[in-house]
Amino acid sequence: MITLCGFALSNYYLKVKFVLLEKGIPFEEERTGTGSVKDSVLAVSPLGKIPFLRTPQGGLCESQVICDYLEAAYPEKPLLPADPLAAAKVRELITFIDLHLELVARDLYAQAFFGGTVSDGTKERVRKLLTKHIAGFQRLAKFGPYVAGDSFTMADCAAWPSLPLVARATKLVLGEDMLEAAGIDWRGYVKLIDARPVATQLAAERKAEQTALSSKL
């Protein structure tokens, strides 16, 4: 059986777990913090990042690599279209969400969520990049009603945990929700995905993780 390693506060962990649950793949979980220097972790995830996956055949790191493996290895309940170009368009959206939105906004998280501060230069740089990248994302995203069109896909597994982080971080640090300011109804979209049983389960697990973490502070 495969084992998913990480924890439920990570949006990329939730992305992979969303795929696993939607596809009905049996798996176990191993709670693992980020930045581990244990040899057993670095052998699978050389940078100590989460999530990573242990399989009987070997380990994998990087969330999209994992998701693509799961799609190929367990094709019975596909989360990508059968048409190669349509499947590539879904992956294109995932790349925009992961790299051009969430990874850019991540530079604000220290101040937004962890009690730190970020420099004015960082704020200016993030605002400039996100202004450009959100406009690009809008050219690709359909929200019809799902992010890639009229069907639930792997892109929704990426968008559901990450778009709220981008919105909240920009609101808290830059003074405006940049997704909302650009006309993206991310709240309505998240509410749609929240109605799925898997999303309900993951949201509850994330909330429990947040509560447990708060109790230790």
C-alpha atoms as a PDB file:
ATOM      1  CA  MET A   1       0.000   0.000   0.000  1.00  0.00           C
ATOM      2  CA  ILE A   2       1.137   3.554  -0.627  1.00  0.00           C
ATOM      3  CA  THR A   3       1.763   6.026   2.201  1.00  0.00           C
ATOM      4  CA  LEU A   4       1.160   9.770   2.008  1.00  0.00           C
ATOM      5  CA  CYS A   5       3.577  11.727   4.200  1.00  0.00           C
ATOM      6  CA  GLY A   6       3.012  15.281   5.461  1.00  0.00           C
ATOM      7  CA  PHE A   7       0.263  17.008   7.413  1.00  0.00           C
ATOM      8  CA  ALA A   8      -3.106  18.623   6.822  1.00  0.00           C
ATOM      9  CA  LEU A   9      -2.056  22.277   7.124  1.00  0.00           C
ATOM     10  CA  SER A  10      -0.119  21.990   3.879  1.00  0.00           C
ATOM     11  CA  ASN A  11      -2.183  22.957   0.865  1.00  0.00           C
ATOM     12  CA  TYR A  12      -0.049  20.689  -1.298  1.00  0.00           C
ATOM     13  CA  TYR A  13      -0.640  17.777   1.062  1.00  0.00           C
ATOM     14  CA  LEU A  14      -4.366  18.466   0.782  1.00  0.00           C
ATOM     15  CA  LYS A  15      -4.056  18.607  -3.005  1.00  0.00           C
ATOM     16  CA  VAL A  16      -2.546  15.123  -3.150  1.00  0.00           C
ATOM     17  CA  LYS A  17      -4.921  13.713  -0.552  1.00  0.00           C
ATOM     18  CA  PHE A  18      -7.858  15.180  -2.512  1.00  0.00           C
ATOM     19  CA  VAL A  19      -6.685  13.218  -5.564  1.00  0.00           C
ATOM     20  CA  LEU A  20      -6.225  10.014  -3.556  1.00  0.00           C
ATOM     21  CA  LEU A  21      -9.683  10.209  -2.015  1.00  0.00           C
ATOM     22  CA  GLU A  22     -11.502  11.254  -5.182  1.00  0.00           C
ATOM     23  CA  LYS A  23      -9.916   8.379  -7.070  1.00  0.00           C
ATOM     24  CA  GLY A  24     -10.683   5.918  -4.276  1.00  0.00           C
ATOM     25  CA  ILE A  25      -7.068   4.798  -3.902  1.00  0.00           C
ATOM     26  CA  PRO A  26      -6.264   2.899  -0.689  1.00  0.00           C
ATOM     27  CA  PHE A  27      -3.486   4.600   1.258  1.00  0.00           C
ATOM     28  CA  GLU A  28      -2.028   5.171   4.672  1.00  0.00           C
ATOM     29  CA  GLU A  29      -0.811   8.430   6.187  1.00  0.00           C
ATOM     30  CA  GLU A  30       2.385   9.237   8.028  1.00  0.00           C
ATOM     31  CA  ARG A  31       2.455  12.586   9.779  1.00  0.00           C
ATOM     32  CA  THR A  32       5.693  14.278   8.798  1.00  0.00           C
ATOM     33  CA  GLY A  33       6.770  17.862   9.348  1.00  0.00           C
ATOM     34  CA  THR A  34       8.395  19.961   6.676  1.00  0.00           C
ATOM     35  CA  GLY A  35      12.130  20.538   6.694  1.00  0.00           C
ATOM     36  CA  SER A  36      13.029  17.175   8.195  1.00  0.00           C
ATOM     37  CA  VAL A  37      16.710  16.190   8.048  1.00  0.00           C
ATOM     38  CA  LYS A  38      16.094  12.520   8.761  1.00  0.00           C
ATOM     39  CA  ASP A  39      17.772  10.233   6.271  1.00  0.00           C
ATOM     40  CA  SER A  40      14.528   8.265   5.889  1.00  0.00           C
ATOM     41  CA  VAL A  41      12.799  11.460   4.714  1.00  0.00           C
ATOM     42  CA  LEU A  42      15.631  12.855   2.590  1.00  0.00           C
ATOM     43  CA  ALA A  43      15.910   9.543   0.764  1.00  0.00           C
ATOM     44  CA  VAL A  44      12.440  10.227  -0.665  1.00  0.00           C
ATOM     45  CA  SER A  45      12.199  14.022  -0.478  1.00  0.00           C
ATOM     46  CA  PRO A  46      15.766  15.377  -0.843  1.00  0.00           C
ATOM     47  CA  LEU A  47      14.795  18.888   0.251  1.00  0.00           C
ATOM     48  CA  GLY A  48      12.756  17.659   3.212  1.00  0.00           C
ATOM     49  CA  LYS A  49       9.590  19.065   1.653  1.00  0.00           C
ATOM     50  CA  ILE A  50       6.093  17.695   2.062  1.00  0.00           C
ATOM     51  CA  PRO A  51       4.102  16.006   0.763  1.00  0.00           C
ATOM     52  CA  PHE A  52       5.940  12.935  -0.409  1.00  0.00           C
ATOM     53  CA  LEU A  53       4.742   9.470  -1.225  1.00  0.00           C
ATOM     54  CA  ARG A  54       6.103   6.060  -0.358  1.00  0.00           C
ATOM     55  CA  THR A  55       5.112   3.248  -2.713  1.00  0.00           C
ATOM     56  CA  PRO A  56       6.123  -0.422  -2.811  1.00  0.00           C
ATOM     57  CA  GLN A  57       8.183   0.450  -5.897  1.00  0.00           C
ATOM     58  CA  GLY A  58       9.864   3.552  -4.440  1.00  0.00           C
ATOM     59  CA  GLY A  59       9.254   7.088  -3.249  1.00  0.00           C
ATOM     60  CA  LEU A  60       8.132  10.289  -4.953  1.00  0.00           C
ATOM     61  CA  CYS A  61       8.222  13.942  -3.990  1.00  0.00           C
ATOM     62  CA  GLU A  62       6.679  17.112  -5.464  1.00  0.00           C
ATOM     63  CA  SER A  63       2.906  17.280  -5.367  1.00  0.00           C
ATOM     64  CA  GLN A  64       2.210  17.425  -9.104  1.00  0.00           C
ATOM     65  CA  VAL A  65       4.629  14.600  -9.852  1.00  0.00           C
ATOM     66  CA  ILE A  66       2.739  12.553  -7.271  1.00  0.00           C
ATOM     67  CA  CYS A  67      -0.647  13.479  -8.731  1.00  0.00           C
ATOM     68  CA  ASP A  68       0.455  12.604 -12.252  1.00  0.00           C
ATOM     69  CA  TYR A  69       1.761   9.247 -11.001  1.00  0.00           C
ATOM     70  CA  LEU A  70      -1.547   8.522  -9.280  1.00  0.00           C
ATOM     71  CA  GLU A  71      -3.477   9.396 -12.436  1.00  0.00           C
ATOM     72  CA  ALA A  72      -1.334   7.058 -14.529  1.00  0.00           C
ATOM     73  CA  ALA A  73      -1.158   4.211 -12.022  1.00  0.00           C
ATOM     74  CA  TYR A  74      -4.849   4.303 -11.067  1.00  0.00           C
ATOM     75  CA  PRO A  75      -6.755   5.256 -14.236  1.00  0.00           C
ATOM     76  CA  GLU A  76     -10.116   3.824 -13.221  1.00  0.00           C
ATOM     77  CA  LYS A  77     -11.499   7.148 -11.924  1.00  0.00           C
ATOM     78  CA  PRO A  78      -9.760   9.756 -14.087  1.00  0.00           C
ATOM     79  CA  LEU A  79      -9.244  13.338 -12.954  1.00  0.00           C
ATOM     80  CA  LEU A  80      -7.842  14.378 -16.325  1.00  0.00           C
ATOM     81  CA  PRO A  81      -9.714  14.392 -19.656  1.00  0.00           C
ATOM     82  CA  ALA A  82      -8.981  11.596 -22.110  1.00  0.00           C
ATOM     83  CA  ASP A  83      -8.084  14.050 -24.874  1.00  0.00           C
ATOM     84  CA  PRO A  84      -4.342  14.849 -24.642  1.00  0.00           C
ATOM     85  CA  LEU A  85      -4.723  18.571 -25.280  1.00  0.00           C
ATOM     86  CA  ALA A  86      -7.603  18.911 -22.804  1.00  0.00           C
ATOM     87  CA  ALA A  87      -5.527  17.054 -20.204  1.00  0.00           C
ATOM     88  CA  ALA A  88      -2.593  19.364 -20.887  1.00  0.00           C
ATOM     89  CA  LYS A  89      -4.865  22.397 -20.408  1.00  0.00           C
ATOM     90  CA  VAL A  90      -5.814  21.091 -16.957  1.00  0.00           C
ATOM     91  CA  ARG A  91      -2.127  20.683 -16.079  1.00  0.00           C
ATOM     92  CA  GLU A  92      -1.520  24.192 -17.441  1.00  0.00           C
ATOM     93  CA  LEU A  93      -4.053  25.556 -14.979  1.00  0.00           C
ATOM     94  CA  ILE A  94      -2.447  23.620 -12.129  1.00  0.00           C
ATOM     95  CA  THR A  95       0.927  25.139 -13.021  1.00  0.00           C
ATOM     96  CA  PHE A  96      -0.568  28.633 -12.891  1.00  0.00           C
ATOM     97  CA  ILE A  97      -2.195  27.945  -9.530  1.00  0.00           C
ATOM     98  CA  ASP A  98       0.840  26.313  -7.927  1.00  0.00           C
ATOM     99  CA  LEU A  99       3.697  28.350  -9.368  1.00  0.00           C
ATOM    100  CA  HIS A 100       2.334  31.674 -10.548  1.00  0.00           C
ATOM    101  CA  LEU A 101      -0.247  32.340  -7.819  1.00  0.00           C
ATOM    102  CA  GLU A 102       0.385  30.351  -4.631  1.00  0.00           C
ATOM    103  CA  LEU A 103       4.191  30.270  -4.750  1.00  0.00           C
ATOM    104  CA  VAL A 104       4.323  34.032  -5.322  1.00  0.00           C
ATOM    105  CA  ALA A 105       1.815  34.765  -2.546  1.00  0.00           C
ATOM    106  CA  ARG A 106       3.775  32.444  -0.226  1.00  0.00           C
ATOM    107  CA  ASP A 107       6.292  35.235   0.334  1.00  0.00           C
ATOM    108  CA  LEU A 108       3.542  36.997   2.329  1.00  0.00           C
ATOM    109  CA  TYR A 109       2.682  34.060   4.582  1.00  0.00           C
ATOM    110  CA  ALA A 110       5.220  34.873   7.298  1.00  0.00           C
ATOM    111  CA  GLN A 111       3.323  38.065   8.059  1.00  0.00           C
ATOM    112  CA  ALA A 112      -0.155  36.895   7.089  1.00  0.00           C
ATOM    113  CA  PHE A 113      -0.262  33.691   9.110  1.00  0.00           C
ATOM    114  CA  PHE A 114       2.798  33.276  11.337  1.00  0.00           C
ATOM    115  CA  GLY A 115       3.284  36.545  13.193  1.00  0.00           C
ATOM    116  CA  GLY A 116       6.327  37.701  11.234  1.00  0.00           C
ATOM    117  CA  THR A 117       6.922  40.650   8.951  1.00  0.00           C
ATOM    118  CA  VAL A 118       7.838  41.057   5.312  1.00  0.00           C
ATOM    119  CA  SER A 119       9.657  44.007   3.810  1.00  0.00           C
ATOM    120  CA  ASP A 120       8.046  46.730   1.768  1.00  0.00           C
ATOM    121  CA  GLY A 121      10.169  45.572  -1.149  1.00  0.00           C
ATOM    122  CA  THR A 122       8.703  42.080  -0.896  1.00  0.00           C
ATOM    123  CA  LYS A 123       5.193  43.462  -0.734  1.00  0.00           C
ATOM    124  CA  GLU A 124       5.778  45.586  -3.825  1.00  0.00           C
ATOM    125  CA  ARG A 125       7.295  42.691  -5.730  1.00  0.00           C
ATOM    126  CA  VAL A 126       4.476  40.287  -4.819  1.00  0.00           C
ATOM    127  CA  ARG A 127       1.791  42.803  -5.724  1.00  0.00           C
ATOM    128  CA  LYS A 128       3.394  43.475  -9.104  1.00  0.00           C
ATOM    129  CA  LEU A 129       3.784  39.785  -9.925  1.00  0.00           C
ATOM    130  CA  LEU A 130       0.327  38.799  -8.762  1.00  0.00           C
ATOM    131  CA  THR A 131      -1.298  41.601 -10.735  1.00  0.00           C
ATOM    132  CA  LYS A 132       0.253  40.113 -13.876  1.00  0.00           C
ATOM    133  CA  HIS A 133      -0.209  36.468 -12.928  1.00  0.00           C
ATOM    134  CA  ILE A 134      -3.838  36.774 -11.828  1.00  0.00           C
ATOM    135  CA  ALA A 135      -4.666  38.376 -15.174  1.00  0.00           C
ATOM    136  CA  GLY A 136      -2.991  35.432 -16.895  1.00  0.00           C
ATOM    137  CA  PHE A 137      -4.860  32.947 -14.732  1.00  0.00           C
ATOM    138  CA  GLN A 138      -8.149  34.602 -15.651  1.00  0.00           C
ATOM    139  CA  ARG A 139      -7.434  33.968 -19.318  1.00  0.00           C
ATOM    140  CA  LEU A 140      -7.173  30.234 -18.611  1.00  0.00           C
ATOM    141  CA  ALA A 141      -9.637  29.554 -15.800  1.00  0.00           C
ATOM    142  CA  LYS A 142     -13.226  28.778 -16.767  1.00  0.00           C
ATOM    143  CA  PHE A 143     -15.135  28.565 -13.478  1.00  0.00           C
ATOM    144  CA  GLY A 144     -17.839  26.915 -15.507  1.00  0.00           C
ATOM    145  CA  PRO A 145     -18.537  26.086 -12.644  1.00  0.00           C
ATOM    146  CA  TYR A 146     -15.288  24.147 -12.082  1.00  0.00           C
ATOM    147  CA  VAL A 147     -11.962  25.831 -12.590  1.00  0.00           C
ATOM    148  CA  ALA A 148     -11.231  23.988 -15.861  1.00  0.00           C
ATOM    149  CA  GLY A 149     -14.814  23.915 -17.158  1.00  0.00           C
ATOM    150  CA  ASP A 150     -17.969  21.896 -16.589  1.00  0.00           C
ATOM    151  CA  SER A 151     -16.306  18.870 -14.943  1.00  0.00           C
ATOM    152  CA  PHE A 152     -14.398  18.347 -11.718  1.00  0.00           C
ATOM    153  CA  THR A 153     -10.713  17.729 -12.514  1.00  0.00           C
ATOM    154  CA  MET A 154      -7.324  17.580 -10.888  1.00  0.00           C
ATOM    155  CA  ALA A 155      -7.156  21.363 -11.275  1.00  0.00           C
ATOM    156  CA  ASP A 156      -9.874  21.651  -8.638  1.00  0.00           C
ATOM    157  CA  CYS A 157      -7.778  19.533  -6.269  1.00  0.00           C
ATOM    158  CA  ALA A 158      -5.096  22.214  -6.626  1.00  0.00           C
ATOM    159  CA  ALA A 159      -7.343  25.285  -6.643  1.00  0.00           C
ATOM    160  CA  TRP A 160      -9.526  24.450  -3.631  1.00  0.00           C
ATOM    161  CA  PRO A 161      -6.758  24.526  -0.990  1.00  0.00           C
ATOM    162  CA  SER A 162      -4.629  27.256  -2.603  1.00  0.00           C
ATOM    163  CA  LEU A 163      -6.877  30.046  -3.891  1.00  0.00           C
ATOM    164  CA  PRO A 164      -8.127  30.964  -0.383  1.00  0.00           C
ATOM    165  CA  LEU A 165      -4.515  31.273   0.813  1.00  0.00           C
ATOM    166  CA  VAL A 166      -3.682  33.696  -1.984  1.00  0.00           C
ATOM    167  CA  ALA A 167      -6.804  35.737  -1.265  1.00  0.00           C
ATOM    168  CA  ARG A 168      -6.315  35.892   2.498  1.00  0.00           C
ATOM    169  CA  ALA A 169      -2.600  36.576   2.397  1.00  0.00           C
ATOM    170  CA  THR A 170      -3.007  39.488   0.016  1.00  0.00           C
ATOM    171  CA  LYS A 171      -5.900  40.865   2.058  1.00  0.00           C
ATOM    172  CA  LEU A 172      -3.973  40.678   5.326  1.00  0.00           C
ATOM    173  CA  VAL A 173      -0.639  41.979   4.075  1.00  0.00           C
ATOM    174  CA  LEU A 174      -1.387  44.103   1.006  1.00  0.00           C
ATOM    175  CA  GLY A 175      -4.732  45.453   2.183  1.00  0.00           C
ATOM    176  CA  GLU A 176      -6.856  43.918  -0.546  1.00  0.00           C
ATOM    177  CA  ASP A 177      -7.946  40.491  -1.669  1.00  0.00           C
ATOM    178  CA  MET A 178      -6.274  40.548  -5.063  1.00  0.00           C
ATOM    179  CA  LEU A 179      -8.347  37.690  -6.444  1.00  0.00           C
ATOM    180  CA  GLU A 180     -11.597  39.384  -5.496  1.00  0.00           C
ATOM    181  CA  ALA A 181     -10.334  42.754  -6.733  1.00  0.00           C
ATOM    182  CA  ALA A 182      -9.685  41.153 -10.120  1.00  0.00           C
ATOM    183  CA  GLY A 183     -13.267  39.887 -10.250  1.00  0.00           C
ATOM    184  CA  ILE A 184     -12.662  36.242  -9.295  1.00  0.00           C
ATOM    185  CA  ASP A 185     -15.472  34.863  -7.129  1.00  0.00           C
ATOM    186  CA  TRP A 186     -13.227  32.441  -5.290  1.00  0.00           C
ATOM    187  CA  ARG A 187     -15.618  32.237  -2.320  1.00  0.00           C
ATOM    188  CA  GLY A 188     -18.448  31.008  -4.526  1.00  0.00           C
ATOM    189  CA  TYR A 189     -16.097  28.553  -6.155  1.00  0.00           C
ATOM    190  CA  VAL A 190     -14.803  27.213  -2.827  1.00  0.00           C
ATOM    191  CA  LYS A 191     -18.374  26.874  -1.590  1.00  0.00           C
ATOM    192  CA  LEU A 192     -19.138  24.725  -4.641  1.00  0.00           C
ATOM    193  CA  ILE A 193     -16.172  22.435  -3.955  1.00  0.00           C
ATOM    194  CA  ASP A 194     -16.942  22.377  -0.220  1.00  0.00           C
ATOM    195  CA  ALA A 195     -20.146  20.496  -1.043  1.00  0.00           C
ATOM    196  CA  ARG A 196     -18.134  17.485  -2.169  1.00  0.00           C
ATOM    197  CA  PRO A 197     -17.778  14.853   0.594  1.00  0.00           C
ATOM    198  CA  VAL A 198     -14.018  14.681   0.137  1.00  0.00           C
ATOM    199  CA  ALA A 199     -13.663  18.447   0.568  1.00  0.00           C
ATOM    200  CA  THR A 200     -15.843  18.311   3.691  1.00  0.00           C
ATOM    201  CA  GLN A 201     -13.558  15.653   5.148  1.00  0.00           C
ATOM    202  CA  LEU A 202     -10.375  17.531   4.277  1.00  0.00           C
ATOM    203  CA  ALA A 203     -11.689  20.814   5.659  1.00  0.00           C
ATOM    204  CA  ALA A 204     -12.505  19.108   8.964  1.00  0.00           C
ATOM    205  CA  GLU A 205      -9.041  17.557   9.130  1.00  0.00           C
ATOM    206  CA  ARG A 206      -7.390  20.890   8.393  1.00  0.00           C
ATOM    207  CA  LYS A 207      -9.452  22.587  11.094  1.00  0.00           C
ATOM    208  CA  ALA A 208      -8.517  19.895  13.623  1.00  0.00           C
ATOM    209  CA  GLU A 209      -4.845  20.373  12.722  1.00  0.00           C
ATOM    210  CA  GLN A 210      -5.162  24.127  13.218  1.00  0.00           C
ATOM    211  CA  THR A 211      -6.848  23.638  16.585  1.00  0.00           C
ATOM    212  CA  ALA A 212      -4.170  21.203  17.718  1.00  0.00           C
ATOM    213  CA  LEU A 213      -1.419  23.594  16.666  1.00  0.00           C
ATOM    214  CA  SER A 214      -3.058  26.547  18.424  1.00  0.00           C
ATOM    215  CA  SER A 215      -3.310  24.599  21.656  1.00  0.00           C
ATOM    216  CA  LYS A 216       0.458  24.139  21.673  1.00  0.00           C
ATOM    217  CA  LEU A 217       1.229  27.855  21.270  1.00  0.00           C
END
